[in-house]
Amino acid sequence: MIVFPLIAGIFSVSFEFIDVVYGAKWVQSSDVLMALSLVGAVKAMSTLSSNIFIAKEEMKLAFYTQVASVLMVALSVSISLQYGIVVVAISLSIVALLISFWIQYLVNSMLRLPMKTYFFSFRQALFASVSMVLVIFSVKYILTLYFVFSNYILLPIYITIGILVYFEYYYLFEKK
């Protein structure tokens, strides 16, 4: 699965990415990008759910889950809006996670599959992505502690390290 490492990479290098691509004026939005990248990971895990509802001829259930999802998002935004855009993004991530697990539970119940099977299917990509994030943040800490580099130099370094760690994880731990 390619989505997890891409989203983990965006999460890890959001500050440098925003600075390089959009400029210093937009750096404050990197926190929002970090929070919303979590929504992307959650959405990636649940992309097939609506298709399964349709295939199982459960359109009414699909409709009600979508209505409930929209209401939960609207409630989350209206409550968190007073605390700023970063809190809104974090609350959207939490709501997306809850909605995704709820919908996946319904799908797994229809298919008579345990939730363990669902989570197990993401195990490799998730562990490799978490390893990648931990290494990137460790390298960021060490580099910024001892050196002063431009983000134009740091961003490609972090991306390269992330790619190497992700593929190294698969090479070391996922041999078959």
N, C-alpha and C. Protein backbone atom coordinates (compact mmCIF):
# COMPACT_ATOMS: atom_id res chain seq x y z
N MET A 1 0.85 -1.18 0.00
CA MET A 1 0.00 0.00 0.00
C MET A 1 0.89 1.24 0.00
N ILE A 2 0.70 2.07 -0.97
CA ILE A 2 1.54 3.25 -1.15
C ILE A 2 1.00 4.47 -0.39
N VAL A 3 -0.27 4.45 -0.01
CA VAL A 3 -0.88 5.61 0.63
C VAL A 3 -0.25 5.89 1.99
N PHE A 4 -0.03 4.85 2.79
CA PHE A 4 0.52 5.07 4.13
C PHE A 4 1.88 5.75 4.13
N PRO A 5 2.83 5.29 3.33
CA PRO A 5 4.13 6.00 3.35
C PRO A 5 4.03 7.43 2.81
N LEU A 6 3.18 7.66 1.82
CA LEU A 6 3.02 9.02 1.31
C LEU A 6 2.44 9.94 2.38
N ILE A 7 1.42 9.47 3.06
CA ILE A 7 0.79 10.30 4.10
C ILE A 7 1.73 10.45 5.29
N ALA A 8 2.45 9.38 5.64
CA ALA A 8 3.43 9.47 6.74
C ALA A 8 4.53 10.46 6.37
N GLY A 9 4.92 10.45 5.11
CA GLY A 9 5.93 11.40 4.65
C GLY A 9 5.44 12.83 4.73
N ILE A 10 4.21 13.08 4.29
CA ILE A 10 3.64 14.43 4.39
C ILE A 10 3.56 14.86 5.85
N PHE A 11 3.14 13.95 6.71
CA PHE A 11 3.07 14.24 8.14
C PHE A 11 4.45 14.61 8.68
N SER A 12 5.47 13.87 8.26
CA SER A 12 6.82 14.05 8.80
C SER A 12 7.52 15.32 8.32
N VAL A 13 7.25 15.71 7.09
CA VAL A 13 7.99 16.84 6.50
C VAL A 13 7.08 18.02 6.16
N SER A 14 5.94 18.12 6.84
CA SER A 14 4.97 19.16 6.49
C SER A 14 5.56 20.57 6.59
N PHE A 15 6.34 20.83 7.63
CA PHE A 15 6.93 22.16 7.80
C PHE A 15 7.86 22.49 6.63
N GLU A 16 8.77 21.59 6.34
CA GLU A 16 9.73 21.82 5.26
C GLU A 16 9.03 21.88 3.90
N PHE A 17 8.04 21.01 3.71
CA PHE A 17 7.30 20.98 2.45
C PHE A 17 6.59 22.31 2.20
N ILE A 18 5.87 22.80 3.21
CA ILE A 18 5.15 24.07 3.06
C ILE A 18 6.12 25.21 2.79
N ASP A 19 7.25 25.23 3.51
CA ASP A 19 8.23 26.30 3.34
C ASP A 19 8.82 26.29 1.93
N VAL A 20 9.16 25.11 1.43
CA VAL A 20 9.78 25.01 0.10
C VAL A 20 8.77 25.27 -1.01
N VAL A 21 7.58 24.69 -0.91
CA VAL A 21 6.61 24.78 -2.00
C VAL A 21 5.84 26.11 -1.98
N TYR A 22 5.41 26.56 -0.80
CA TYR A 22 4.56 27.75 -0.73
C TYR A 22 5.25 28.98 -0.15
N GLY A 23 6.35 28.80 0.57
CA GLY A 23 7.08 29.93 1.11
C GLY A 23 6.86 30.13 2.59
N ALA A 24 7.66 31.00 3.17
CA ALA A 24 7.67 31.23 4.62
C ALA A 24 6.35 31.78 5.15
N LYS A 25 5.60 32.49 4.32
CA LYS A 25 4.33 33.06 4.77
C LYS A 25 3.31 31.98 5.15
N TRP A 26 3.47 30.80 4.59
CA TRP A 26 2.50 29.72 4.77
C TRP A 26 2.94 28.66 5.78
N VAL A 27 4.09 28.84 6.40
CA VAL A 27 4.65 27.82 7.29
C VAL A 27 3.71 27.47 8.44
N GLN A 28 2.95 28.44 8.92
CA GLN A 28 2.02 28.16 10.02
C GLN A 28 0.96 27.13 9.64
N SER A 29 0.69 26.97 8.38
CA SER A 29 -0.30 25.98 7.95
C SER A 29 0.24 24.55 7.99
N SER A 30 1.51 24.38 8.32
CA SER A 30 2.07 23.02 8.37
C SER A 30 1.41 22.17 9.46
N ASP A 31 0.99 22.79 10.57
CA ASP A 31 0.28 22.04 11.61
C ASP A 31 -1.06 21.51 11.09
N VAL A 32 -1.72 22.32 10.30
CA VAL A 32 -2.99 21.89 9.72
C VAL A 32 -2.75 20.73 8.74
N LEU A 33 -1.70 20.84 7.94
CA LEU A 33 -1.37 19.77 7.01
C LEU A 33 -1.07 18.47 7.75
N MET A 34 -0.35 18.58 8.87
CA MET A 34 -0.07 17.38 9.67
C MET A 34 -1.36 16.73 10.15
N ALA A 35 -2.26 17.52 10.70
CA ALA A 35 -3.51 16.97 11.23
C ALA A 35 -4.37 16.39 10.12
N LEU A 36 -4.45 17.09 9.00
CA LEU A 36 -5.28 16.59 7.90
C LEU A 36 -4.67 15.38 7.20
N SER A 37 -3.36 15.21 7.30
CA SER A 37 -2.76 14.01 6.72
C SER A 37 -3.25 12.77 7.43
N LEU A 38 -3.60 12.89 8.71
CA LEU A 38 -4.17 11.76 9.44
C LEU A 38 -5.53 11.37 8.87
N VAL A 39 -6.30 12.38 8.45
CA VAL A 39 -7.59 12.10 7.80
C VAL A 39 -7.35 11.31 6.52
N GLY A 40 -6.32 11.67 5.78
CA GLY A 40 -6.00 10.94 4.55
C GLY A 40 -5.70 9.48 4.81
N ALA A 41 -4.98 9.20 5.87
CA ALA A 41 -4.67 7.81 6.21
C ALA A 41 -5.94 7.03 6.55
N VAL A 42 -6.82 7.67 7.30
CA VAL A 42 -8.07 7.02 7.69
C VAL A 42 -8.94 6.79 6.46
N LYS A 43 -9.03 7.79 5.60
CA LYS A 43 -9.84 7.65 4.39
C LYS A 43 -9.30 6.56 3.47
N ALA A 44 -7.99 6.42 3.43
CA ALA A 44 -7.39 5.39 2.59
C ALA A 44 -7.78 3.99 3.05
N MET A 45 -7.97 3.83 4.34
CA MET A 45 -8.33 2.52 4.87
C MET A 45 -9.79 2.16 4.59
N SER A 46 -10.61 3.14 4.29
CA SER A 46 -12.04 2.87 4.16
C SER A 46 -12.59 3.18 2.77
N THR A 47 -11.77 3.15 1.76
CA THR A 47 -12.22 3.55 0.43
C THR A 47 -13.23 2.57 -0.19
N LEU A 48 -13.16 1.32 0.16
CA LEU A 48 -14.04 0.34 -0.47
C LEU A 48 -15.37 0.14 0.25
N SER A 49 -15.53 0.74 1.39
CA SER A 49 -16.73 0.50 2.21
C SER A 49 -18.02 0.81 1.47
N SER A 50 -18.10 1.96 0.82
CA SER A 50 -19.35 2.31 0.12
C SER A 50 -19.64 1.34 -1.02
N ASN A 51 -18.60 0.86 -1.69
CA ASN A 51 -18.81 -0.13 -2.75
C ASN A 51 -19.36 -1.45 -2.20
N ILE A 52 -18.93 -1.81 -1.02
CA ILE A 52 -19.42 -3.04 -0.41
C ILE A 52 -20.88 -2.89 -0.01
N PHE A 53 -21.25 -1.72 0.52
CA PHE A 53 -22.66 -1.47 0.83
C PHE A 53 -23.52 -1.65 -0.42
N ILE A 54 -23.06 -1.09 -1.52
CA ILE A 54 -23.81 -1.17 -2.78
C ILE A 54 -23.86 -2.61 -3.29
N ALA A 55 -22.72 -3.31 -3.24
CA ALA A 55 -22.67 -4.69 -3.71
C ALA A 55 -23.58 -5.61 -2.89
N LYS A 56 -23.72 -5.31 -1.62
CA LYS A 56 -24.57 -6.12 -0.74
C LYS A 56 -26.01 -5.61 -0.72
N GLU A 57 -26.30 -4.64 -1.60
CA GLU A 57 -27.63 -4.04 -1.72
C GLU A 57 -28.12 -3.45 -0.40
N GLU A 58 -27.24 -2.73 0.24
CA GLU A 58 -27.55 -2.06 1.50
C GLU A 58 -27.47 -0.54 1.31
N MET A 59 -28.15 -0.03 0.27
CA MET A 59 -28.09 1.39 -0.04
C MET A 59 -28.68 2.25 1.08
N LYS A 60 -29.71 1.74 1.73
CA LYS A 60 -30.33 2.50 2.82
C LYS A 60 -29.33 2.66 3.98
N LEU A 61 -28.63 1.60 4.31
CA LEU A 61 -27.62 1.66 5.36
C LEU A 61 -26.48 2.60 4.95
N ALA A 62 -26.09 2.54 3.68
CA ALA A 62 -25.04 3.44 3.18
C ALA A 62 -25.50 4.90 3.30
N PHE A 63 -26.75 5.16 2.96
CA PHE A 63 -27.28 6.52 3.06
C PHE A 63 -27.26 7.01 4.51
N TYR A 64 -27.75 6.18 5.43
CA TYR A 64 -27.80 6.59 6.83
C TYR A 64 -26.41 6.79 7.42
N THR A 65 -25.45 5.97 7.02
CA THR A 65 -24.09 6.16 7.53
C THR A 65 -23.50 7.47 7.00
N GLN A 66 -23.82 7.81 5.75
CA GLN A 66 -23.32 9.07 5.20
C GLN A 66 -23.97 10.27 5.88
N VAL A 67 -25.25 10.19 6.15
CA VAL A 67 -25.93 11.28 6.86
C VAL A 67 -25.35 11.44 8.25
N ALA A 68 -25.16 10.33 8.96
CA ALA A 68 -24.58 10.39 10.30
C ALA A 68 -23.16 10.96 10.25
N SER A 69 -22.40 10.59 9.23
CA SER A 69 -21.04 11.09 9.07
C SER A 69 -21.02 12.60 8.87
N VAL A 70 -21.90 13.09 8.00
CA VAL A 70 -21.97 14.53 7.74
C VAL A 70 -22.37 15.28 9.01
N LEU A 71 -23.32 14.74 9.75
CA LEU A 71 -23.75 15.39 10.98
C LEU A 71 -22.62 15.42 12.02
N MET A 72 -21.87 14.33 12.13
CA MET A 72 -20.76 14.28 13.08
C MET A 72 -19.66 15.26 12.69
N VAL A 73 -19.37 15.37 11.40
CA VAL A 73 -18.36 16.32 10.95
C VAL A 73 -18.82 17.75 11.21
N ALA A 74 -20.08 18.05 10.89
CA ALA A 74 -20.62 19.39 11.12
C ALA A 74 -20.58 19.75 12.60
N LEU A 75 -20.95 18.82 13.45
CA LEU A 75 -20.91 19.05 14.89
C LEU A 75 -19.48 19.27 15.37
N SER A 76 -18.57 18.46 14.88
CA SER A 76 -17.16 18.59 15.25
C SER A 76 -16.60 19.95 14.86
N VAL A 77 -16.89 20.38 13.65
CA VAL A 77 -16.40 21.68 13.17
C VAL A 77 -17.01 22.81 13.98
N SER A 78 -18.31 22.74 14.22
CA SER A 78 -18.97 23.83 14.94
C SER A 78 -18.47 23.94 16.38
N ILE A 79 -18.13 22.83 17.01
CA ILE A 79 -17.62 22.88 18.38
C ILE A 79 -16.17 23.34 18.41
N SER A 80 -15.36 22.84 17.49
CA SER A 80 -13.92 23.12 17.53
C SER A 80 -13.52 24.43 16.86
N LEU A 81 -14.40 25.04 16.10
CA LEU A 81 -14.07 26.25 15.34
C LEU A 81 -13.60 27.40 16.24
N GLN A 82 -14.14 27.48 17.40
CA GLN A 82 -13.78 28.57 18.31
C GLN A 82 -12.34 28.45 18.83
N TYR A 83 -11.71 27.29 18.65
CA TYR A 83 -10.35 27.08 19.16
C TYR A 83 -9.28 27.20 18.09
N GLY A 84 -9.67 27.46 16.86
CA GLY A 84 -8.70 27.67 15.79
C GLY A 84 -8.66 26.54 14.79
N ILE A 85 -8.01 26.83 13.67
CA ILE A 85 -8.00 25.91 12.54
C ILE A 85 -7.26 24.61 12.83
N VAL A 86 -6.23 24.66 13.66
CA VAL A 86 -5.49 23.44 13.98
C VAL A 86 -6.37 22.49 14.79
N VAL A 87 -7.12 23.02 15.74
CA VAL A 87 -8.04 22.19 16.53
C VAL A 87 -9.15 21.63 15.64
N VAL A 88 -9.61 22.41 14.69
CA VAL A 88 -10.62 21.91 13.73
C VAL A 88 -10.04 20.73 12.95
N ALA A 89 -8.82 20.87 12.47
CA ALA A 89 -8.19 19.79 11.71
C ALA A 89 -8.00 18.54 12.56
N ILE A 90 -7.59 18.72 13.81
CA ILE A 90 -7.41 17.57 14.71
C ILE A 90 -8.76 16.91 15.00
N SER A 91 -9.78 17.72 15.24
CA SER A 91 -11.10 17.14 15.52
C SER A 91 -11.65 16.42 14.30
N LEU A 92 -11.40 16.94 13.11
CA LEU A 92 -11.81 16.25 11.89
C LEU A 92 -11.09 14.91 11.76
N SER A 93 -9.82 14.87 12.14
CA SER A 93 -9.08 13.61 12.11
C SER A 93 -9.68 12.59 13.06
N ILE A 94 -10.01 13.03 14.25
CA ILE A 94 -10.60 12.12 15.24
C ILE A 94 -11.96 11.62 14.78
N VAL A 95 -12.79 12.53 14.28
CA VAL A 95 -14.12 12.15 13.80
C VAL A 95 -13.99 11.19 12.60
N ALA A 96 -13.07 11.48 11.69
CA ALA A 96 -12.87 10.60 10.54
C ALA A 96 -12.46 9.20 10.99
N LEU A 97 -11.61 9.13 11.99
CA LEU A 97 -11.18 7.84 12.53
C LEU A 97 -12.36 7.08 13.13
N LEU A 98 -13.16 7.75 13.94
CA LEU A 98 -14.32 7.11 14.56
C LEU A 98 -15.34 6.65 13.51
N ILE A 99 -15.61 7.52 12.56
CA ILE A 99 -16.57 7.17 11.49
C ILE A 99 -16.05 5.99 10.68
N SER A 100 -14.78 6.03 10.35
CA SER A 100 -14.19 4.96 9.54
C SER A 100 -14.29 3.61 10.24
N PHE A 101 -13.97 3.58 11.54
CA PHE A 101 -14.05 2.32 12.28
C PHE A 101 -15.49 1.85 12.41
N TRP A 102 -16.41 2.78 12.60
CA TRP A 102 -17.82 2.42 12.71
C TRP A 102 -18.32 1.82 11.39
N ILE A 103 -18.02 2.48 10.28
CA ILE A 103 -18.45 1.97 8.97
C ILE A 103 -17.77 0.64 8.67
N GLN A 104 -16.49 0.54 9.00
CA GLN A 104 -15.79 -0.72 8.75
C GLN A 104 -16.37 -1.85 9.59
N TYR A 105 -16.78 -1.54 10.81
CA TYR A 105 -17.43 -2.54 11.65
C TYR A 105 -18.72 -3.04 10.97
N LEU A 106 -19.51 -2.12 10.42
CA LEU A 106 -20.74 -2.50 9.72
C LEU A 106 -20.42 -3.38 8.50
N VAL A 107 -19.40 -2.98 7.74
CA VAL A 107 -19.01 -3.75 6.56
C VAL A 107 -18.54 -5.14 6.96
N ASN A 108 -17.68 -5.20 7.96
CA ASN A 108 -17.18 -6.50 8.40
C ASN A 108 -18.30 -7.38 8.95
N SER A 109 -19.28 -6.78 9.60
CA SER A 109 -20.43 -7.55 10.08
C SER A 109 -21.21 -8.13 8.91
N MET A 110 -21.41 -7.32 7.85
CA MET A 110 -22.11 -7.82 6.67
C MET A 110 -21.36 -8.97 6.01
N LEU A 111 -20.04 -8.86 6.00
CA LEU A 111 -19.21 -9.88 5.35
C LEU A 111 -18.83 -11.03 6.29
N ARG A 112 -19.22 -10.90 7.54
CA ARG A 112 -18.90 -11.89 8.58
C ARG A 112 -17.40 -12.09 8.73
N LEU A 113 -16.69 -10.97 8.76
CA LEU A 113 -15.25 -10.98 8.96
C LEU A 113 -14.92 -10.31 10.29
N PRO A 114 -14.00 -10.87 11.05
CA PRO A 114 -13.60 -10.18 12.29
C PRO A 114 -12.80 -8.91 11.97
N MET A 115 -12.92 -7.93 12.85
CA MET A 115 -12.17 -6.68 12.66
C MET A 115 -10.67 -6.94 12.65
N LYS A 116 -10.25 -7.97 13.33
CA LYS A 116 -8.83 -8.33 13.36
C LYS A 116 -8.29 -8.57 11.95
N THR A 117 -9.09 -9.18 11.11
CA THR A 117 -8.70 -9.43 9.72
C THR A 117 -8.48 -8.12 8.98
N TYR A 118 -9.36 -7.17 9.20
CA TYR A 118 -9.25 -5.85 8.58
C TYR A 118 -7.97 -5.15 8.99
N PHE A 119 -7.71 -5.09 10.29
CA PHE A 119 -6.52 -4.40 10.78
C PHE A 119 -5.24 -5.14 10.37
N PHE A 120 -5.30 -6.44 10.33
CA PHE A 120 -4.12 -7.23 9.97
C PHE A 120 -3.69 -6.95 8.53
N SER A 121 -4.63 -6.61 7.67
CA SER A 121 -4.30 -6.34 6.27
C SER A 121 -3.45 -5.08 6.10
N PHE A 122 -3.49 -4.17 7.08
CA PHE A 122 -2.71 -2.93 7.01
C PHE A 122 -1.42 -2.99 7.82
N ARG A 123 -1.19 -4.11 8.48
CA ARG A 123 -0.09 -4.24 9.43
C ARG A 123 1.25 -3.86 8.84
N GLN A 124 1.64 -4.44 7.72
CA GLN A 124 2.96 -4.20 7.13
C GLN A 124 3.16 -2.73 6.77
N ALA A 125 2.23 -2.18 6.03
CA ALA A 125 2.38 -0.79 5.59
C ALA A 125 2.34 0.17 6.77
N LEU A 126 1.51 -0.13 7.76
CA LEU A 126 1.41 0.75 8.92
C LEU A 126 2.69 0.73 9.75
N PHE A 127 3.23 -0.44 10.04
CA PHE A 127 4.47 -0.53 10.82
C PHE A 127 5.65 0.10 10.07
N ALA A 128 5.71 -0.12 8.77
CA ALA A 128 6.80 0.48 7.99
C ALA A 128 6.68 1.99 7.99
N SER A 129 5.46 2.51 7.89
CA SER A 129 5.24 3.96 7.88
C SER A 129 5.55 4.58 9.24
N VAL A 130 5.16 3.91 10.31
CA VAL A 130 5.47 4.42 11.66
C VAL A 130 6.98 4.42 11.87
N SER A 131 7.65 3.37 11.43
CA SER A 131 9.11 3.32 11.53
C SER A 131 9.74 4.48 10.77
N MET A 132 9.21 4.74 9.59
CA MET A 132 9.71 5.82 8.76
C MET A 132 9.54 7.17 9.47
N VAL A 133 8.37 7.41 10.06
CA VAL A 133 8.12 8.67 10.77
C VAL A 133 9.07 8.83 11.95
N LEU A 134 9.25 7.77 12.72
CA LEU A 134 10.13 7.84 13.88
C LEU A 134 11.57 8.15 13.47
N VAL A 135 12.05 7.53 12.41
CA VAL A 135 13.41 7.79 11.96
C VAL A 135 13.53 9.22 11.42
N ILE A 136 12.57 9.66 10.64
CA ILE A 136 12.63 11.02 10.09
C ILE A 136 12.63 12.05 11.22
N PHE A 137 11.75 11.89 12.20
CA PHE A 137 11.74 12.84 13.31
C PHE A 137 13.03 12.79 14.12
N SER A 138 13.62 11.61 14.27
CA SER A 138 14.90 11.50 14.97
C SER A 138 16.00 12.22 14.20
N VAL A 139 16.05 12.02 12.90
CA VAL A 139 17.05 12.69 12.07
C VAL A 139 16.82 14.19 12.08
N LYS A 140 15.56 14.62 12.01
CA LYS A 140 15.25 16.06 12.07
C LYS A 140 15.78 16.65 13.37
N TYR A 141 15.56 15.95 14.47
CA TYR A 141 16.00 16.45 15.77
C TYR A 141 17.53 16.58 15.79
N ILE A 142 18.21 15.56 15.34
CA ILE A 142 19.68 15.58 15.37
C ILE A 142 20.23 16.66 14.44
N LEU A 143 19.70 16.73 13.22
CA LEU A 143 20.21 17.72 12.27
C LEU A 143 19.96 19.15 12.73
N THR A 144 18.78 19.41 13.26
CA THR A 144 18.49 20.78 13.68
C THR A 144 19.19 21.13 15.00
N LEU A 145 19.59 20.13 15.74
CA LEU A 145 20.31 20.37 16.99
C LEU A 145 21.76 20.80 16.73
N TYR A 146 22.38 20.20 15.71
CA TYR A 146 23.81 20.44 15.48
C TYR A 146 24.13 21.26 14.23
N PHE A 147 23.17 21.36 13.30
CA PHE A 147 23.46 22.01 12.03
C PHE A 147 22.36 23.00 11.67
N VAL A 148 22.69 23.92 10.79
CA VAL A 148 21.70 24.85 10.24
C VAL A 148 21.72 24.69 8.73
N PHE A 149 20.66 24.07 8.21
CA PHE A 149 20.52 23.88 6.78
C PHE A 149 19.24 24.53 6.31
N SER A 150 19.22 24.89 5.05
CA SER A 150 18.01 25.40 4.43
C SER A 150 17.02 24.24 4.26
N ASN A 151 15.73 24.57 4.28
CA ASN A 151 14.71 23.54 4.04
C ASN A 151 14.79 22.98 2.63
N TYR A 152 15.39 23.72 1.72
CA TYR A 152 15.60 23.21 0.36
C TYR A 152 16.58 22.05 0.36
N ILE A 153 17.46 22.01 1.32
CA ILE A 153 18.41 20.90 1.47
C ILE A 153 17.80 19.80 2.34
N LEU A 154 17.13 20.21 3.42
CA LEU A 154 16.58 19.24 4.36
C LEU A 154 15.45 18.39 3.77
N LEU A 155 14.57 19.00 2.99
CA LEU A 155 13.42 18.26 2.45
C LEU A 155 13.85 17.05 1.63
N PRO A 156 14.77 17.19 0.66
CA PRO A 156 15.20 15.99 -0.09
C PRO A 156 15.92 14.96 0.80
N ILE A 157 16.63 15.43 1.81
CA ILE A 157 17.30 14.51 2.73
C ILE A 157 16.25 13.69 3.48
N TYR A 158 15.25 14.35 4.02
CA TYR A 158 14.20 13.64 4.77
C TYR A 158 13.42 12.69 3.87
N ILE A 159 13.11 13.11 2.67
CA ILE A 159 12.38 12.24 1.74
C ILE A 159 13.20 11.01 1.41
N THR A 160 14.48 11.20 1.14
CA THR A 160 15.36 10.06 0.83
C THR A 160 15.45 9.11 2.01
N ILE A 161 15.63 9.65 3.20
CA ILE A 161 15.70 8.80 4.40
C ILE A 161 14.38 8.05 4.59
N GLY A 162 13.26 8.72 4.39
CA GLY A 162 11.96 8.07 4.54
C GLY A 162 11.80 6.91 3.57
N ILE A 163 12.17 7.12 2.32
CA ILE A 163 12.06 6.06 1.31
C ILE A 163 12.96 4.88 1.68
N LEU A 164 14.19 5.18 2.08
CA LEU A 164 15.13 4.12 2.45
C LEU A 164 14.63 3.32 3.66
N VAL A 165 14.13 4.02 4.67
CA VAL A 165 13.63 3.33 5.87
C VAL A 165 12.42 2.47 5.53
N TYR A 166 11.52 2.99 4.73
CA TYR A 166 10.31 2.24 4.38
C TYR A 166 10.68 0.94 3.65
N PHE A 167 11.52 1.05 2.65
CA PHE A 167 11.89 -0.15 1.89
C PHE A 167 12.81 -1.07 2.70
N GLU A 168 13.63 -0.52 3.56
CA GLU A 168 14.48 -1.34 4.43
C GLU A 168 13.63 -2.15 5.39
N TYR A 169 12.57 -1.56 5.88
CA TYR A 169 11.65 -2.29 6.76
C TYR A 169 11.10 -3.52 6.04
N TYR A 170 10.66 -3.33 4.82
CA TYR A 170 10.13 -4.45 4.06
C TYR A 170 11.21 -5.50 3.79
N TYR A 171 12.40 -5.05 3.50
CA TYR A 171 13.48 -5.99 3.22
C TYR A 171 13.85 -6.80 4.45
N LEU A 172 13.93 -6.15 5.60
CA LEU A 172 14.34 -6.84 6.83
C LEU A 172 13.25 -7.65 7.49
N PHE A 173 12.05 -7.08 7.55
CA PHE A 173 11.00 -7.71 8.38
C PHE A 173 9.90 -8.41 7.62
N GLU A 174 9.78 -8.18 6.34
CA GLU A 174 8.66 -8.74 5.60
C GLU A 174 9.10 -9.69 4.49
N LYS A 175 10.23 -10.34 4.69
CA LYS A 175 10.65 -11.34 3.70
C LYS A 175 9.71 -12.52 3.73
N LYS A 176 9.43 -13.06 2.56
CA LYS A 176 8.57 -14.23 2.48
C LYS A 176 9.21 -15.30 1.64
